[in-house]
Amino acid sequence: MNPDPRPDLSVPHADLVRKRQRTRAAVLGVILGAFVVLVFAITIAKIKAGMPH
């Protein structure tokens, strides 16, 4: 039985996988940042509008 559960990836294939992971992480970071900015902007707009308690 093979103690390493990971498949045997060739170096070019492993590099391609890592590049896709970095790209996916960057896109997710941008989306998350945009969401934070959107929530912040909505909060500021509600505060300026004098949201009733």
C-alpha atoms as a PDB file:
ATOM      1  CA  MET A   1       0.000   0.000   0.000  1.00  0.00           C
ATOM      2  CA  ASN A   2       1.280   3.472  -0.912  1.00  0.00           C
ATOM      3  CA  PRO A   3       1.736   5.607   2.244  1.00  0.00           C
ATOM      4  CA  ASP A   4       1.527   8.856   0.233  1.00  0.00           C
ATOM      5  CA  PRO A   5      -2.111   9.431  -0.835  1.00  0.00           C
ATOM      6  CA  ARG A   6      -1.147  12.219  -3.247  1.00  0.00           C
ATOM      7  CA  PRO A   7      -0.911  11.276  -6.915  1.00  0.00           C
ATOM      8  CA  ASP A   8       2.494  11.324  -8.560  1.00  0.00           C
ATOM      9  CA  LEU A   9       2.473  14.656 -10.438  1.00  0.00           C
ATOM     10  CA  SER A  10       5.106  15.536 -12.963  1.00  0.00           C
ATOM     11  CA  VAL A  11       6.891  18.840 -12.423  1.00  0.00           C
ATOM     12  CA  PRO A  12       5.175  20.707 -15.314  1.00  0.00           C
ATOM     13  CA  HIS A  13       1.761  19.451 -14.177  1.00  0.00           C
ATOM     14  CA  ALA A  14       2.465  20.414 -10.555  1.00  0.00           C
ATOM     15  CA  ASP A  15       3.543  23.896 -11.670  1.00  0.00           C
ATOM     16  CA  LEU A  16       0.306  24.286 -13.634  1.00  0.00           C
ATOM     17  CA  VAL A  17      -1.744  23.224 -10.611  1.00  0.00           C
ATOM     18  CA  ARG A  18       0.088  25.723  -8.358  1.00  0.00           C
ATOM     19  CA  LYS A  19      -0.419  28.513 -10.911  1.00  0.00           C
ATOM     20  CA  ARG A  20      -4.157  27.796 -11.034  1.00  0.00           C
ATOM     21  CA  GLN A  21      -4.314  27.775  -7.226  1.00  0.00           C
ATOM     22  CA  ARG A  22      -2.550  31.154  -7.051  1.00  0.00           C
ATOM     23  CA  THR A  23      -4.899  32.592  -9.670  1.00  0.00           C
ATOM     24  CA  ARG A  24      -7.953  31.235  -7.863  1.00  0.00           C
ATOM     25  CA  ALA A  25      -6.698  32.642  -4.553  1.00  0.00           C
ATOM     26  CA  ALA A  26      -6.086  36.069  -6.098  1.00  0.00           C
ATOM     27  CA  VAL A  27      -9.562  36.170  -7.655  1.00  0.00           C
ATOM     28  CA  LEU A  28     -11.151  35.121  -4.376  1.00  0.00           C
ATOM     29  CA  GLY A  29      -9.163  37.831  -2.571  1.00  0.00           C
ATOM     30  CA  VAL A  30     -10.387  40.498  -4.981  1.00  0.00           C
ATOM     31  CA  ILE A  31     -13.995  39.321  -4.609  1.00  0.00           C
ATOM     32  CA  LEU A  32     -13.713  39.302  -0.821  1.00  0.00           C
ATOM     33  CA  GLY A  33     -12.165  42.780  -0.842  1.00  0.00           C
ATOM     34  CA  ALA A  34     -14.965  44.091  -3.070  1.00  0.00           C
ATOM     35  CA  PHE A  35     -17.555  42.621  -0.690  1.00  0.00           C
ATOM     36  CA  VAL A  36     -15.907  44.332   2.301  1.00  0.00           C
ATOM     37  CA  VAL A  37     -15.870  47.670   0.459  1.00  0.00           C
ATOM     38  CA  LEU A  38     -19.534  47.230  -0.504  1.00  0.00           C
ATOM     39  CA  VAL A  39     -20.597  46.483   3.087  1.00  0.00           C
ATOM     40  CA  PHE A  40     -18.573  49.455   4.328  1.00  0.00           C
ATOM     41  CA  ALA A  41     -20.132  51.786   1.742  1.00  0.00           C
ATOM     42  CA  ILE A  42     -23.659  50.618   2.606  1.00  0.00           C
ATOM     43  CA  THR A  43     -22.941  51.137   6.309  1.00  0.00           C
ATOM     44  CA  ILE A  44     -21.649  54.679   5.739  1.00  0.00           C
ATOM     45  CA  ALA A  45     -24.658  55.512   3.530  1.00  0.00           C
ATOM     46  CA  LYS A  46     -27.084  54.302   6.202  1.00  0.00           C
ATOM     47  CA  ILE A  47     -25.295  56.265   8.926  1.00  0.00           C
ATOM     48  CA  LYS A  48     -25.343  59.457   6.828  1.00  0.00           C
ATOM     49  CA  ALA A  49     -29.045  58.943   6.047  1.00  0.00           C
ATOM     50  CA  GLY A  50     -29.784  58.941   9.772  1.00  0.00           C
ATOM     51  CA  MET A  51     -31.051  55.403  10.056  1.00  0.00           C
ATOM     52  CA  PRO A  52     -33.814  55.311  12.709  1.00  0.00           C
ATOM     53  CA  HIS A  53     -33.168  53.253  15.830  1.00  0.00           C
END
